[in-house]
Structure formats: C-alpha cells, structure tokens
C-alpha cells in the first residue's frame, strides 16, 4: 500500500471522528441550559479551548457568547477545527481514496458534508440545533458501521481504525479537560448540587452516561467518572480502550515496535493515576501531558508509515 494512500485514509477517519465529538460536546452544552437555574451562567468560552483555537476566535469575534461560539465551532471556515472544516477535509481525503473505501462510504461522507452546509444557519437556533448536530453524529456512526461491515480486513482498514482511535483518545482527553473545568463559572457554594449536572454532562458528551451506570452502579461521583472514562477498558470511548485499539491496529501493520513503545508511554501515565486524589488543577496538567504523549504517538506513526 502506498504511504500517501494510507495517510489519506488515516486522516479521513480522524476528521470524521473530530466532527462527531465536536458535535457531541456542543449538543450537550446546549442541553445543560435546560437543567440549570437562571442565576447560573453557562460558560461557552472553554469550548473554544477544546481544539486550542482561542487566538483564532478572538481575531474574528469580540465576545464568547453562545451564537459566536456555535458559529465558530460549527460553521466558521476560518477555524481549522470547526465541524464544517473537519467534514470538508474528511470528504477531500475520501475523494482521493475512493477506489479503496466502499463507494457507499464515499457517498455518505459527501452527503454528510452537503447536509452540514445546508444546516449552517439552522444550527445557530436552539430550536433546530439538536437535529443539525444529531445528523453529524448519526451520519458518522452510519459511516463507521458501513466500513466495519463491508471493508476487507487489510492495511487500509487498519489505518482507518488507527486514525479513528487516535483521534478518539485525543478528543476524550480534551472533552474531559474542557467539560470538567469552567463551564459553570457562576456556580456558587449554595449551588454545589449542580456540579453533578456538570459531571453528567461530561459523561453525556461521550455518550457514556448509561454505560457508566451499568458498569459502576454508583451515583454520579467525580473520581468514579474519571476512572471510567480514563482507565476502564470495557467502555469503547475510554482512553484506555482507545490506546488498546491503537496497539491492536499497528500490530497488523509492518514495523509496529516504535509506535507501540510510544503508546506504552501513555499507558504508564494512565496507570499511575489515582482518580480519587486527582484535583482539578492537577487533572488539567495530566490531560495536557497525555495530549503531548498522543502527539508523540501521531508523530511516530507519521515517521513510520507516511
């Protein structure tokens, strides 16, 4: 397989996963508006930090209000991490490898991109936002199911899964970091009960709420949620599960040793965590460190295969 082709398949999967996770985060943040009292202000600015484009945002917008952040994260083509840009990049990579992926997958990716462009204005209103974002999420899930059920189990499929799981691992750390930090800046001591709503939002941003309740059988607790999302192999969007899948994918490819070694560095960091003593400031630092390790994993993949 040509390294150029492998690179396009890898990035197609990453961009699709990025669009889906961004849509999940915005959708859950919008739902939080319905659960909070009027005297608690919902912070939108931290969402800009999810993909580290704060400077880009303030070059174009003066205030991080709801509409500005939604426009920037969903439809703004000046934001490299916006949903529309992620889908456009996924579409372009898919176009280049049309002969490798199932033709139905190319059609679905193209259709998903066109639908997102049509939804550009509707997504700004709360009334239509859920349906617009849900189309991005379910569209990507359909594509994932299609390629999983129709592609040969060859190198192309290994690179596709590799891109998906590395992006998922990275986005999981970013969502935990952003959603657990300062989305409720107006939370006073007498409103501490609403912290549970915030942590439910963390779970729902990763579609993990129901699975958490099944696996942990506990009330919403910060330490248990962090353990579930970071260290539990049973949940497919946990960081630990994604790392395991990355190792599995590269093991199907030639010369996997350096990539596996790089992944093991992240695993060591993860295994050393005690979620019961992991305070918020430390959590932010740990998520940053893990993101740096994941960048090392990507760079190693890039040097080895592309």
Protein backbone atom coordinates (compact mmCIF):
# COMPACT_ATOMS: atom_id res chain seq x y z
CA UNK A 1 0.00 0.00 0.00
CA UNK A 2 1.30 3.47 -0.90
CA UNK A 3 2.10 5.60 2.15
CA UNK A 4 0.23 8.51 0.51
CA UNK A 5 -2.96 6.41 0.32
CA UNK A 6 -2.54 5.21 3.92
CA UNK A 7 -2.13 8.83 5.04
CA UNK A 8 -5.39 9.91 3.37
CA UNK A 9 -7.35 7.02 4.90
CA UNK A 10 -5.88 7.76 8.34
CA UNK A 11 -6.81 11.45 8.17
CA UNK A 12 -10.25 10.78 6.71
CA UNK A 13 -11.06 8.74 9.81
CA UNK A 14 -9.57 11.36 12.15
CA UNK A 15 -11.58 14.22 10.66
CA UNK A 16 -14.84 12.27 10.80
CA UNK A 17 -14.25 11.39 14.46
CA UNK A 18 -13.35 15.01 15.24
CA UNK A 19 -16.56 16.32 13.70
CA UNK A 20 -18.66 13.81 15.65
CA UNK A 21 -17.02 14.57 19.00
CA UNK A 22 -17.29 18.33 18.49
CA UNK A 23 -20.98 17.92 17.69
CA UNK A 24 -21.50 15.86 20.87
CA UNK A 25 -19.84 18.49 23.05
CA UNK A 26 -21.89 21.39 21.67
CA UNK A 27 -25.11 19.40 21.83
CA UNK A 28 -24.65 18.50 25.49
CA UNK A 29 -23.66 22.06 26.40
CA UNK A 30 -26.90 23.28 24.83
CA UNK A 31 -28.90 20.73 26.85
CA UNK A 32 -27.27 21.99 30.04
CA UNK A 33 -29.13 25.27 29.52
CA UNK A 34 -32.38 23.46 30.29
CA UNK A 35 -31.13 21.94 33.55
CA UNK A 36 -29.55 24.94 35.23
CA UNK A 37 -31.24 27.68 37.28
CA UNK A 38 -31.43 31.17 35.78
CA UNK A 39 -28.85 32.57 38.21
CA UNK A 40 -26.17 30.15 36.96
CA UNK A 41 -24.37 31.31 33.84
CA UNK A 42 -23.29 28.69 31.32
CA UNK A 43 -19.76 29.26 30.06
CA UNK A 44 -19.19 28.87 26.30
CA UNK A 45 -15.62 30.14 26.11
CA UNK A 46 -13.97 26.89 27.34
CA UNK A 47 -15.40 25.07 24.32
CA UNK A 48 -13.16 27.21 22.12
CA UNK A 49 -10.18 25.78 24.00
CA UNK A 50 -11.13 22.19 23.17
CA UNK A 51 -9.16 22.37 19.93
CA UNK A 52 -6.81 25.15 21.09
CA UNK A 53 -8.04 27.90 18.74
CA UNK A 54 -8.67 30.71 21.24
CA UNK A 55 -6.49 33.24 19.34
CA UNK A 56 -8.27 32.45 16.08
CA UNK A 57 -11.64 33.03 17.74
CA UNK A 58 -10.76 36.46 19.15
CA UNK A 59 -9.41 37.59 15.79
CA UNK A 60 -12.99 37.35 14.47
CA UNK A 61 -15.29 37.71 17.49
CA UNK A 62 -15.35 40.16 20.37
CA UNK A 63 -17.39 38.13 22.89
CA UNK A 64 -17.57 34.37 23.55
CA UNK A 65 -21.37 34.36 23.67
CA UNK A 66 -23.48 31.39 22.64
CA UNK A 67 -24.09 32.34 19.00
CA UNK A 68 -20.48 33.39 18.34
CA UNK A 69 -19.06 30.16 19.79
CA UNK A 70 -21.59 27.99 17.94
CA UNK A 71 -20.85 29.75 14.66
CA UNK A 72 -17.09 29.46 15.23
CA UNK A 73 -17.15 25.76 16.24
CA UNK A 74 -19.68 24.59 13.67
CA UNK A 75 -19.66 26.71 10.51
CA UNK A 76 -16.69 29.09 10.53
CA UNK A 77 -14.26 28.12 7.75
CA UNK A 78 -11.53 30.24 9.39
CA UNK A 79 -11.49 27.76 12.29
CA UNK A 80 -9.44 24.69 11.24
CA UNK A 81 -11.25 22.63 13.89
CA UNK A 82 -14.83 23.59 13.01
CA UNK A 83 -17.27 20.83 12.13
CA UNK A 84 -17.70 22.09 8.56
CA UNK A 85 -13.92 22.17 8.01
CA UNK A 86 -13.48 18.71 9.54
CA UNK A 87 -16.16 17.29 7.24
CA UNK A 88 -14.69 19.09 4.22
CA UNK A 89 -11.26 17.63 4.99
CA UNK A 90 -12.77 14.16 5.52
CA UNK A 91 -14.56 14.48 2.19
CA UNK A 92 -11.39 15.55 0.35
CA UNK A 93 -9.38 12.67 1.79
CA UNK A 94 -12.21 10.24 0.98
CA UNK A 95 -12.36 11.56 -2.61
CA UNK A 96 -8.68 10.78 -3.11
CA UNK A 97 -9.08 7.18 -1.86
CA UNK A 98 -12.48 6.49 -3.45
CA UNK A 99 -11.13 3.31 -5.05
CA UNK A 100 -10.02 1.95 -1.66
CA UNK A 101 -13.06 2.60 0.53
CA UNK A 102 -16.59 1.28 -0.24
CA UNK A 103 -18.37 3.51 -2.78
CA UNK A 104 -21.31 3.81 -0.38
CA UNK A 105 -18.96 5.28 2.26
CA UNK A 106 -17.81 7.98 -0.17
CA UNK A 107 -21.44 8.81 -0.97
CA UNK A 108 -22.36 9.05 2.73
CA UNK A 109 -19.35 11.28 3.53
CA UNK A 110 -20.21 13.57 0.61
CA UNK A 111 -23.86 13.67 1.68
CA UNK A 112 -22.88 14.42 5.31
CA UNK A 113 -20.76 17.37 4.20
CA UNK A 114 -23.52 18.77 1.97
CA UNK A 115 -26.11 18.40 4.76
CA UNK A 116 -23.86 20.24 7.21
CA UNK A 117 -23.52 23.12 4.75
CA UNK A 118 -27.31 23.28 4.39
CA UNK A 119 -27.71 23.34 8.18
CA UNK A 120 -25.31 26.28 8.51
CA UNK A 121 -27.86 28.84 9.70
CA UNK A 122 -30.31 26.48 11.39
CA UNK A 123 -27.68 25.27 13.85
CA UNK A 124 -27.47 28.76 15.36
CA UNK A 125 -31.00 28.48 16.77
CA UNK A 126 -31.67 26.28 19.80
CA UNK A 127 -34.86 25.02 18.19
CA UNK A 128 -33.04 23.32 15.29
CA UNK A 129 -29.59 22.78 16.79
CA UNK A 130 -30.23 19.32 18.21
CA UNK A 131 -31.36 17.90 14.85
CA UNK A 132 -28.49 19.56 12.96
CA UNK A 133 -25.83 18.21 15.30
CA UNK A 134 -27.54 14.84 15.57
CA UNK A 135 -27.28 14.45 11.80
CA UNK A 136 -23.50 14.85 12.10
CA UNK A 137 -23.31 12.25 14.90
CA UNK A 138 -25.61 9.64 13.36
CA UNK A 139 -24.11 10.23 9.91
CA UNK A 140 -20.64 9.40 11.18
CA UNK A 141 -21.98 6.40 13.10
CA UNK A 142 -23.57 5.14 9.87
CA UNK A 143 -20.27 5.51 8.01
CA UNK A 144 -18.42 3.70 10.80
CA UNK A 145 -20.92 0.84 10.68
CA UNK A 146 -20.77 0.65 6.89
CA UNK A 147 -16.99 0.42 6.61
CA UNK A 148 -16.92 -2.02 9.54
CA UNK A 149 -19.37 -4.29 7.77
CA UNK A 150 -18.02 -4.09 4.22
CA UNK A 151 -14.25 -3.38 4.12
CA UNK A 152 -11.61 -6.05 3.72
CA UNK A 153 -9.54 -6.59 6.84
CA UNK A 154 -6.36 -5.34 5.20
CA UNK A 155 -3.90 -2.49 5.73
CA UNK A 156 -6.42 0.12 4.58
CA UNK A 157 -8.87 -0.93 7.29
CA UNK A 158 -6.07 -0.95 9.89
CA UNK A 159 -5.11 2.65 9.03
CA UNK A 160 -8.75 3.73 9.11
CA UNK A 161 -9.22 2.30 12.61
CA UNK A 162 -5.87 3.68 13.69
CA UNK A 163 -6.91 7.22 12.75
CA UNK A 164 -10.31 6.86 14.40
CA UNK A 165 -9.00 5.57 17.73
CA UNK A 166 -6.12 8.03 18.00
CA UNK A 167 -8.48 10.94 17.34
CA UNK A 168 -10.98 9.49 19.81
CA UNK A 169 -8.30 9.19 22.50
CA UNK A 170 -7.21 12.79 21.93
CA UNK A 171 -10.77 14.15 21.87
CA UNK A 172 -11.70 12.21 25.02
CA UNK A 173 -8.91 13.92 26.96
CA UNK A 174 -9.91 17.32 25.57
CA UNK A 175 -13.60 16.82 26.41
CA UNK A 176 -12.77 15.73 29.98
CA UNK A 177 -10.45 18.72 30.38
CA UNK A 178 -12.90 21.30 28.97
CA UNK A 179 -16.16 19.95 30.35
CA UNK A 180 -14.86 19.36 33.88
CA UNK A 181 -13.21 22.76 34.29
CA UNK A 182 -15.08 26.04 33.99
CA UNK A 183 -18.33 25.58 32.11
CA UNK A 184 -20.21 26.81 35.18
CA UNK A 185 -18.36 29.97 36.23
CA UNK A 186 -21.41 31.24 38.11
CA UNK A 187 -21.62 28.18 40.35
CA UNK A 188 -21.82 29.41 43.93
CA UNK A 189 -21.36 27.30 47.06
CA UNK A 190 -25.11 27.05 47.59
CA UNK A 191 -25.45 25.68 44.06
CA UNK A 192 -22.88 22.94 44.56
CA UNK A 193 -25.57 20.35 43.82
CA UNK A 194 -25.43 21.43 40.19
CA UNK A 195 -21.88 20.10 39.99
CA UNK A 196 -23.49 16.69 39.46
CA UNK A 197 -25.25 18.07 36.40
CA UNK A 198 -21.87 19.19 35.08
CA UNK A 199 -20.35 15.72 35.55
CA UNK A 200 -23.40 14.15 33.91
CA UNK A 201 -22.59 16.47 31.02
CA UNK A 202 -19.06 15.04 30.88
CA UNK A 203 -20.50 11.53 30.55
CA UNK A 204 -23.13 12.53 28.02
CA UNK A 205 -20.55 14.34 25.89
CA UNK A 206 -19.02 10.90 25.33
CA UNK A 207 -22.37 9.05 25.24
CA UNK A 208 -21.18 7.32 28.40
CA UNK A 209 -23.95 8.02 30.93
CA UNK A 210 -25.93 4.80 30.53
CA UNK A 211 -22.84 2.61 30.28
CA UNK A 212 -21.37 4.28 33.38
CA UNK A 213 -24.48 3.44 35.39
CA UNK A 214 -24.39 -0.17 34.16
CA UNK A 215 -20.70 -0.67 34.86
CA UNK A 216 -20.15 1.32 38.04
CA UNK A 217 -23.63 1.08 39.63
CA UNK A 218 -22.84 4.20 41.62
CA UNK A 219 -24.20 7.70 41.91
CA UNK A 220 -22.52 10.43 39.90
CA UNK A 221 -19.12 10.95 41.51
CA UNK A 222 -16.15 12.75 40.03
CA UNK A 223 -13.48 10.15 40.89
CA UNK A 224 -15.56 7.25 39.56
CA UNK A 225 -16.35 9.07 36.34
CA UNK A 226 -12.66 9.81 35.75
CA UNK A 227 -11.77 6.18 36.41
CA UNK A 228 -14.47 5.01 33.98
CA UNK A 229 -13.51 7.41 31.17
CA UNK A 230 -9.75 7.12 31.58
CA UNK A 231 -8.95 3.64 32.88
CA UNK A 232 -11.82 1.23 32.13
CA UNK A 233 -11.18 -0.99 29.09
CA UNK A 234 -14.84 -2.02 28.82
CA UNK A 235 -16.13 1.34 27.51
CA UNK A 236 -15.21 1.89 23.82
CA UNK A 237 -14.69 5.64 24.20
CA UNK A 238 -12.48 5.43 27.26
CA UNK A 239 -8.87 6.46 26.87
CA UNK A 240 -7.62 3.04 27.95
CA UNK A 241 -9.76 1.22 25.37
CA UNK A 242 -8.65 3.56 22.58
CA UNK A 243 -4.99 3.00 23.42
CA UNK A 244 -5.52 -0.75 23.35
CA UNK A 245 -7.14 -0.49 19.92
CA UNK A 246 -4.24 1.61 18.61
CA UNK A 247 -1.82 -1.14 19.64
CA UNK A 248 -4.07 -3.74 18.01
CA UNK A 249 -4.22 -1.76 14.75
CA UNK A 250 -0.49 -1.16 14.41
CA UNK A 251 0.21 -4.80 15.31
CA UNK A 252 -1.46 -5.65 11.99
CA UNK A 253 0.99 -3.39 10.14
CA UNK A 254 4.73 -3.79 9.44
CA UNK A 255 7.29 -2.31 11.86
CA UNK A 256 4.92 -1.54 14.74
CA UNK A 257 7.57 -1.52 17.51
CA UNK A 258 8.20 2.23 17.78
CA UNK A 259 4.50 3.09 17.72
CA UNK A 260 3.73 0.50 20.42
CA UNK A 261 6.57 1.88 22.54
CA UNK A 262 5.11 5.38 22.17
CA UNK A 263 1.63 4.15 23.16
CA UNK A 264 3.09 2.37 26.18
CA UNK A 265 4.38 5.73 27.44
CA UNK A 266 0.79 6.99 27.55
CA UNK A 267 -0.36 3.79 29.25
CA UNK A 268 2.24 4.22 32.01
CA UNK A 269 0.99 7.75 32.64
CA UNK A 270 -2.58 6.48 32.75
CA UNK A 271 -1.91 3.55 35.08
CA UNK A 272 -0.15 5.76 37.61
CA UNK A 273 -3.23 7.99 38.08
CA UNK A 274 -5.25 7.85 41.28
CA UNK A 275 -8.56 9.43 40.32
CA UNK A 276 -9.61 9.80 43.97
CA UNK A 277 -6.81 12.28 44.66
CA UNK A 278 -6.79 13.94 41.23
CA UNK A 279 -7.79 17.56 41.90
CA UNK A 280 -8.97 19.85 39.09
CA UNK A 281 -5.71 21.78 38.61
CA UNK A 282 -3.75 18.52 38.50
CA UNK A 283 -6.31 16.96 36.14
CA UNK A 284 -5.74 19.79 33.66
CA UNK A 285 -1.96 19.22 33.80
CA UNK A 286 -2.37 15.47 33.38
CA UNK A 287 -4.67 15.89 30.36
CA UNK A 288 -2.12 18.24 28.80
CA UNK A 289 0.66 15.71 29.36
CA UNK A 290 -1.39 12.90 27.84
CA UNK A 291 -2.19 15.07 24.81
CA UNK A 292 1.55 15.66 24.33
CA UNK A 293 2.13 11.89 24.52
CA UNK A 294 -0.65 11.31 21.97
CA UNK A 295 1.01 13.84 19.66
CA UNK A 296 4.19 11.78 20.01
CA UNK A 297 2.19 8.69 19.00
CA UNK A 298 0.93 10.51 15.90
CA UNK A 299 4.42 11.74 15.01
CA UNK A 300 5.78 8.20 15.36
CA UNK A 301 3.01 6.87 13.09
CA UNK A 302 3.77 9.65 10.61
CA UNK A 303 7.51 8.88 10.55
CA UNK A 304 6.99 5.12 10.37
CA UNK A 305 4.31 4.90 7.70
CA UNK A 306 3.73 8.20 5.91
